[in-house]
Amino acid sequence: MYLLYTTISLTFIWTFTDLFIMLVASGIACRFGQLNKRINSNLQNGSEAFWGEMRTHFVGLIELVERTNRIVGPLLIASCANDMYFLCLQTLNALEDKPFDINDWYFRYSFTFLILRTSVKLWFAADVDEKSVRTHKLVQKIRSEHYNDELEILRICSSGGVSISGMGFFTITRRIFLTVSECLFGVKCQR
């Protein structure tokens, strides 16, 4: 009974951790999306005050991501390590013969759920990097007659992009998502 309670509790905590990471990343990516939408609608604007405001917002978002990485980084490392451990364990368990059909169905359900949850978490976390890189691409579209000092500073600030990180050990980008997909399914993805 105690083992069943512990297993169920840990599963809920594990799922909540992944959901929490997804929600935090989704919120940050949404803010980058709002900034990008505003920049995209003002590509012809040559006002230094407007671009100064956009630079301030972008730098604020970079600081938010850095603060988030400091706070959520250890949680992200634990979550990714946990996911990778259970993905490897479930892959190893796939080789075993299941004594009953219900065992086989449960294994398929749990393995599919694990793959989907890990993929969705990585996808949402990689969206932060994707949207921050989009800011730089938008700034690069601005014609030279609209350029000013604030816009140049924004271009320099946005050139590196920013992403959710596991305490600096790894960053979550679409590339890591595709690498995990290649490892799981053996399918070569375009990068």
C-alpha atoms as a PDB file:
ATOM      1  CA  MET A   1       0.000   0.000   0.000  1.00  0.00           C
ATOM      2  CA  TYR A   2       2.824   2.402   0.902  1.00  0.00           C
ATOM      3  CA  LEU A   3       4.651   1.615  -2.345  1.00  0.00           C
ATOM      4  CA  LEU A   4       1.497   2.284  -4.383  1.00  0.00           C
ATOM      5  CA  TYR A   5       0.955   5.602  -2.583  1.00  0.00           C
ATOM      6  CA  THR A   6       4.578   6.627  -3.148  1.00  0.00           C
ATOM      7  CA  THR A   7       4.455   5.707  -6.832  1.00  0.00           C
ATOM      8  CA  ILE A   8       1.254   7.651  -7.441  1.00  0.00           C
ATOM      9  CA  SER A   9       2.522  10.671  -5.485  1.00  0.00           C
ATOM     10  CA  LEU A  10       5.798  10.771  -7.385  1.00  0.00           C
ATOM     11  CA  THR A  11       3.955  10.476 -10.699  1.00  0.00           C
ATOM     12  CA  PHE A  12       1.779  13.478  -9.815  1.00  0.00           C
ATOM     13  CA  ILE A  13       4.832  15.495  -8.711  1.00  0.00           C
ATOM     14  CA  TRP A  14       6.702  14.534 -11.870  1.00  0.00           C
ATOM     15  CA  THR A  15       3.770  15.504 -14.090  1.00  0.00           C
ATOM     16  CA  PHE A  16       3.254  18.760 -12.190  1.00  0.00           C
ATOM     17  CA  THR A  17       6.942  19.638 -12.609  1.00  0.00           C
ATOM     18  CA  ASP A  18       6.762  19.143 -16.368  1.00  0.00           C
ATOM     19  CA  LEU A  19       3.518  21.129 -16.523  1.00  0.00           C
ATOM     20  CA  PHE A  20       5.048  23.937 -14.454  1.00  0.00           C
ATOM     21  CA  ILE A  21       8.048  24.171 -16.804  1.00  0.00           C
ATOM     22  CA  MET A  22       5.699  24.217 -19.807  1.00  0.00           C
ATOM     23  CA  LEU A  23       3.588  27.016 -18.320  1.00  0.00           C
ATOM     24  CA  VAL A  24       6.577  29.176 -17.352  1.00  0.00           C
ATOM     25  CA  ALA A  25       8.141  28.759 -20.799  1.00  0.00           C
ATOM     26  CA  SER A  26       4.818  29.401 -22.500  1.00  0.00           C
ATOM     27  CA  GLY A  27       4.349  32.651 -20.570  1.00  0.00           C
ATOM     28  CA  ILE A  28       7.806  33.924 -21.473  1.00  0.00           C
ATOM     29  CA  ALA A  29       7.398  32.910 -25.125  1.00  0.00           C
ATOM     30  CA  CYS A  30       4.058  34.715 -25.208  1.00  0.00           C
ATOM     31  CA  ARG A  31       5.743  37.935 -24.030  1.00  0.00           C
ATOM     32  CA  PHE A  32       8.379  37.593 -26.757  1.00  0.00           C
ATOM     33  CA  GLY A  33       5.555  36.988 -29.249  1.00  0.00           C
ATOM     34  CA  GLN A  34       3.810  40.185 -28.145  1.00  0.00           C
ATOM     35  CA  LEU A  35       7.051  42.138 -28.537  1.00  0.00           C
ATOM     36  CA  ASN A  36       7.629  40.625 -31.980  1.00  0.00           C
ATOM     37  CA  LYS A  37       4.092  41.469 -33.065  1.00  0.00           C
ATOM     38  CA  ARG A  38       4.581  45.068 -31.987  1.00  0.00           C
ATOM     39  CA  ILE A  39       7.933  45.309 -33.774  1.00  0.00           C
ATOM     40  CA  ASN A  40       6.487  43.708 -36.908  1.00  0.00           C
ATOM     41  CA  SER A  41       3.666  46.258 -37.069  1.00  0.00           C
ATOM     42  CA  ASN A  42       6.144  49.157 -36.696  1.00  0.00           C
ATOM     43  CA  LEU A  43       8.888  48.180 -39.150  1.00  0.00           C
ATOM     44  CA  GLN A  44       8.546  51.555 -40.912  1.00  0.00           C
ATOM     45  CA  ASN A  45       8.799  53.532 -37.669  1.00  0.00           C
ATOM     46  CA  GLY A  46      11.952  55.623 -37.436  1.00  0.00           C
ATOM     47  CA  SER A  47      11.231  57.032 -33.972  1.00  0.00           C
ATOM     48  CA  GLU A  48      14.166  56.674 -31.612  1.00  0.00           C
ATOM     49  CA  ALA A  49      11.790  56.763 -28.620  1.00  0.00           C
ATOM     50  CA  PHE A  50       9.821  53.773 -29.950  1.00  0.00           C
ATOM     51  CA  TRP A  51      12.950  51.697 -30.557  1.00  0.00           C
ATOM     52  CA  GLY A  52      14.298  52.701 -27.158  1.00  0.00           C
ATOM     53  CA  GLU A  53      11.112  51.339 -25.610  1.00  0.00           C
ATOM     54  CA  MET A  54      11.422  48.101 -27.625  1.00  0.00           C
ATOM     55  CA  ARG A  55      15.047  47.721 -26.520  1.00  0.00           C
ATOM     56  CA  THR A  56      14.026  48.250 -22.889  1.00  0.00           C
ATOM     57  CA  HIS A  57      11.305  45.603 -23.204  1.00  0.00           C
ATOM     58  CA  PHE A  58      13.686  43.157 -24.891  1.00  0.00           C
ATOM     59  CA  VAL A  59      16.368  43.626 -22.238  1.00  0.00           C
ATOM     60  CA  GLY A  60      13.695  43.183 -19.557  1.00  0.00           C
ATOM     61  CA  LEU A  61      12.679  39.883 -21.154  1.00  0.00           C
ATOM     62  CA  ILE A  62      16.304  38.752 -21.265  1.00  0.00           C
ATOM     63  CA  GLU A  63      16.599  39.505 -17.550  1.00  0.00           C
ATOM     64  CA  LEU A  64      13.353  37.615 -16.915  1.00  0.00           C
ATOM     65  CA  VAL A  65      14.716  34.552 -18.726  1.00  0.00           C
ATOM     66  CA  GLU A  66      17.998  34.761 -16.804  1.00  0.00           C
ATOM     67  CA  ARG A  67      16.138  34.993 -13.488  1.00  0.00           C
ATOM     68  CA  THR A  68      13.886  32.128 -14.526  1.00  0.00           C
ATOM     69  CA  ASN A  69      16.933  30.042 -15.425  1.00  0.00           C
ATOM     70  CA  ARG A  70      18.442  30.650 -11.990  1.00  0.00           C
ATOM     71  CA  ILE A  71      15.246  29.631 -10.212  1.00  0.00           C
ATOM     72  CA  VAL A  72      13.857  26.918 -12.497  1.00  0.00           C
ATOM     73  CA  GLY A  73      17.226  25.592 -13.762  1.00  0.00           C
ATOM     74  CA  PRO A  74      17.691  22.953 -11.037  1.00  0.00           C
ATOM     75  CA  LEU A  75      14.091  21.840 -11.515  1.00  0.00           C
ATOM     76  CA  LEU A  76      14.643  21.585 -15.268  1.00  0.00           C
ATOM     77  CA  ILE A  77      17.758  19.445 -14.800  1.00  0.00           C
ATOM     78  CA  ALA A  78      15.918  17.105 -12.431  1.00  0.00           C
ATOM     79  CA  SER A  79      12.937  16.919 -14.773  1.00  0.00           C
ATOM     80  CA  CYS A  80      14.996  16.207 -17.899  1.00  0.00           C
ATOM     81  CA  ALA A  81      17.153  13.649 -16.079  1.00  0.00           C
ATOM     82  CA  ASN A  82      14.027  11.944 -14.770  1.00  0.00           C
ATOM     83  CA  ASP A  83      12.466  11.901 -18.245  1.00  0.00           C
ATOM     84  CA  MET A  84      15.619  10.522 -19.866  1.00  0.00           C
ATOM     85  CA  TYR A  85      16.007   7.851 -17.179  1.00  0.00           C
ATOM     86  CA  PHE A  86      12.447   6.617 -17.616  1.00  0.00           C
ATOM     87  CA  LEU A  87      12.654   6.803 -21.412  1.00  0.00           C
ATOM     88  CA  CYS A  88      15.706   4.543 -21.295  1.00  0.00           C
ATOM     89  CA  LEU A  89      14.060   2.250 -18.742  1.00  0.00           C
ATOM     90  CA  GLN A  90      10.855   1.969 -20.772  1.00  0.00           C
ATOM     91  CA  THR A  91      12.863   1.309 -23.940  1.00  0.00           C
ATOM     92  CA  LEU A  92      14.617  -1.514 -22.118  1.00  0.00           C
ATOM     93  CA  ASN A  93      11.262  -2.817 -20.856  1.00  0.00           C
ATOM     94  CA  ALA A  94       9.966  -2.912 -24.426  1.00  0.00           C
ATOM     95  CA  LEU A  95      12.147  -5.974 -25.017  1.00  0.00           C
ATOM     96  CA  GLU A  96      10.387  -8.014 -22.317  1.00  0.00           C
ATOM     97  CA  ASP A  97       7.445 -10.261 -23.066  1.00  0.00           C
ATOM     98  CA  LYS A  98       4.331  -9.177 -21.223  1.00  0.00           C
ATOM     99  CA  PRO A  99       2.452 -11.999 -19.467  1.00  0.00           C
ATOM    100  CA  PHE A 100      -1.031 -10.528 -20.030  1.00  0.00           C
ATOM    101  CA  ASP A 101      -2.644  -8.236 -22.562  1.00  0.00           C
ATOM    102  CA  ILE A 102      -3.397  -5.662 -19.861  1.00  0.00           C
ATOM    103  CA  ASN A 103       0.318  -5.409 -19.079  1.00  0.00           C
ATOM    104  CA  ASP A 104       1.049  -4.800 -22.735  1.00  0.00           C
ATOM    105  CA  TRP A 105      -1.650  -2.114 -23.004  1.00  0.00           C
ATOM    106  CA  TYR A 106      -0.456  -0.407 -19.831  1.00  0.00           C
ATOM    107  CA  PHE A 107       3.118  -0.404 -21.080  1.00  0.00           C
ATOM    108  CA  ARG A 108       2.069   1.125 -24.410  1.00  0.00           C
ATOM    109  CA  TYR A 109      -0.050   3.771 -22.699  1.00  0.00           C
ATOM    110  CA  SER A 110       2.616   4.759 -20.173  1.00  0.00           C
ATOM    111  CA  PHE A 111       5.394   4.847 -22.766  1.00  0.00           C
ATOM    112  CA  THR A 112       3.308   6.941 -25.158  1.00  0.00           C
ATOM    113  CA  PHE A 113       2.341   9.302 -22.338  1.00  0.00           C
ATOM    114  CA  LEU A 114       5.994   9.643 -21.316  1.00  0.00           C
ATOM    115  CA  ILE A 115       7.128  10.417 -24.868  1.00  0.00           C
ATOM    116  CA  LEU A 116       4.325  12.932 -25.413  1.00  0.00           C
ATOM    117  CA  ARG A 117       4.884  14.705 -22.111  1.00  0.00           C
ATOM    118  CA  THR A 118       8.638  14.951 -22.654  1.00  0.00           C
ATOM    119  CA  SER A 119       8.168  16.156 -26.232  1.00  0.00           C
ATOM    120  CA  VAL A 120       5.602  18.783 -25.307  1.00  0.00           C
ATOM    121  CA  LYS A 121       7.784  20.070 -22.449  1.00  0.00           C
ATOM    122  CA  LEU A 122      10.791  20.413 -24.738  1.00  0.00           C
ATOM    123  CA  TRP A 123       8.656  22.001 -27.467  1.00  0.00           C
ATOM    124  CA  PHE A 124       7.258  24.687 -25.156  1.00  0.00           C
ATOM    125  CA  ALA A 125      10.668  25.403 -23.620  1.00  0.00           C
ATOM    126  CA  ALA A 126      12.263  25.652 -27.085  1.00  0.00           C
ATOM    127  CA  ASP A 127       9.631  28.201 -28.102  1.00  0.00           C
ATOM    128  CA  VAL A 128      11.374  30.824 -25.931  1.00  0.00           C
ATOM    129  CA  ASP A 129      14.539  30.519 -28.025  1.00  0.00           C
ATOM    130  CA  GLU A 130      12.555  30.507 -31.248  1.00  0.00           C
ATOM    131  CA  LYS A 131      10.690  33.713 -30.431  1.00  0.00           C
ATOM    132  CA  SER A 132      13.780  35.536 -29.122  1.00  0.00           C
ATOM    133  CA  VAL A 133      15.650  34.726 -32.341  1.00  0.00           C
ATOM    134  CA  ARG A 134      12.633  35.975 -34.309  1.00  0.00           C
ATOM    135  CA  THR A 135      13.130  39.434 -32.738  1.00  0.00           C
ATOM    136  CA  HIS A 136      16.565  39.667 -34.321  1.00  0.00           C
ATOM    137  CA  LYS A 137      15.201  38.543 -37.698  1.00  0.00           C
ATOM    138  CA  LEU A 138      12.524  41.241 -37.528  1.00  0.00           C
ATOM    139  CA  VAL A 139      15.043  43.944 -36.646  1.00  0.00           C
ATOM    140  CA  GLN A 140      17.181  42.840 -39.602  1.00  0.00           C
ATOM    141  CA  LYS A 141      14.228  43.558 -41.949  1.00  0.00           C
ATOM    142  CA  ILE A 142      14.189  47.266 -41.117  1.00  0.00           C
ATOM    143  CA  ARG A 143      15.400  49.433 -43.977  1.00  0.00           C
ATOM    144  CA  SER A 144      18.483  51.571 -43.523  1.00  0.00           C
ATOM    145  CA  GLU A 145      16.653  54.908 -43.749  1.00  0.00           C
ATOM    146  CA  HIS A 146      14.774  54.048 -40.528  1.00  0.00           C
ATOM    147  CA  TYR A 147      17.921  53.080 -38.614  1.00  0.00           C
ATOM    148  CA  ASN A 148      18.918  54.965 -35.465  1.00  0.00           C
ATOM    149  CA  ASP A 149      21.108  54.379 -32.415  1.00  0.00           C
ATOM    150  CA  GLU A 150      18.413  52.689 -30.301  1.00  0.00           C
ATOM    151  CA  LEU A 151      17.573  50.320 -33.154  1.00  0.00           C
ATOM    152  CA  GLU A 152      21.250  49.417 -33.527  1.00  0.00           C
ATOM    153  CA  ILE A 153      21.499  48.657 -29.807  1.00  0.00           C
ATOM    154  CA  LEU A 154      18.361  46.471 -30.074  1.00  0.00           C
ATOM    155  CA  ARG A 155      19.898  44.671 -33.052  1.00  0.00           C
ATOM    156  CA  ILE A 156      23.071  43.950 -31.066  1.00  0.00           C
ATOM    157  CA  CYS A 157      21.131  42.848 -27.948  1.00  0.00           C
ATOM    158  CA  SER A 158      18.884  40.513 -29.924  1.00  0.00           C
ATOM    159  CA  SER A 159      21.651  38.914 -31.998  1.00  0.00           C
ATOM    160  CA  GLY A 160      22.406  36.186 -29.454  1.00  0.00           C
ATOM    161  CA  GLY A 161      18.888  35.155 -28.576  1.00  0.00           C
ATOM    162  CA  VAL A 162      18.024  33.709 -25.197  1.00  0.00           C
ATOM    163  CA  SER A 163      16.659  30.340 -24.134  1.00  0.00           C
ATOM    164  CA  ILE A 164      15.549  28.301 -21.158  1.00  0.00           C
ATOM    165  CA  SER A 165      18.582  26.608 -19.644  1.00  0.00           C
ATOM    166  CA  GLY A 166      19.328  23.846 -17.180  1.00  0.00           C
ATOM    167  CA  MET A 167      21.726  25.844 -14.982  1.00  0.00           C
ATOM    168  CA  GLY A 168      23.952  26.549 -17.986  1.00  0.00           C
ATOM    169  CA  PHE A 169      24.641  22.857 -18.652  1.00  0.00           C
ATOM    170  CA  PHE A 170      22.305  22.782 -21.646  1.00  0.00           C
ATOM    171  CA  THR A 171      19.832  25.057 -23.369  1.00  0.00           C
ATOM    172  CA  ILE A 172      16.471  23.986 -24.681  1.00  0.00           C
ATOM    173  CA  THR A 173      16.205  24.787 -28.380  1.00  0.00           C
ATOM    174  CA  ARG A 174      14.496  23.145 -31.327  1.00  0.00           C
ATOM    175  CA  ARG A 175      17.817  21.455 -32.049  1.00  0.00           C
ATOM    176  CA  ILE A 176      17.780  19.539 -28.734  1.00  0.00           C
ATOM    177  CA  PHE A 177      14.132  18.654 -29.350  1.00  0.00           C
ATOM    178  CA  LEU A 178      15.011  17.217 -32.771  1.00  0.00           C
ATOM    179  CA  THR A 179      18.021  15.380 -31.328  1.00  0.00           C
ATOM    180  CA  VAL A 180      15.839  13.672 -28.723  1.00  0.00           C
ATOM    181  CA  SER A 181      13.352  12.769 -31.484  1.00  0.00           C
ATOM    182  CA  GLU A 182      16.147  11.247 -33.547  1.00  0.00           C
ATOM    183  CA  CYS A 183      17.323   9.200 -30.579  1.00  0.00           C
ATOM    184  CA  LEU A 184      13.845   7.948 -29.743  1.00  0.00           C
ATOM    185  CA  PHE A 185      12.554   7.192 -33.197  1.00  0.00           C
ATOM    186  CA  GLY A 186      15.747   6.772 -35.218  1.00  0.00           C
ATOM    187  CA  VAL A 187      14.411   9.208 -37.819  1.00  0.00           C
ATOM    188  CA  LYS A 188      16.801  11.812 -39.233  1.00  0.00           C
ATOM    189  CA  CYS A 189      15.173  15.257 -38.928  1.00  0.00           C
ATOM    190  CA  GLN A 190      15.959  18.388 -40.903  1.00  0.00           C
ATOM    191  CA  ARG A 191      17.741  21.089 -38.888  1.00  0.00           C
END
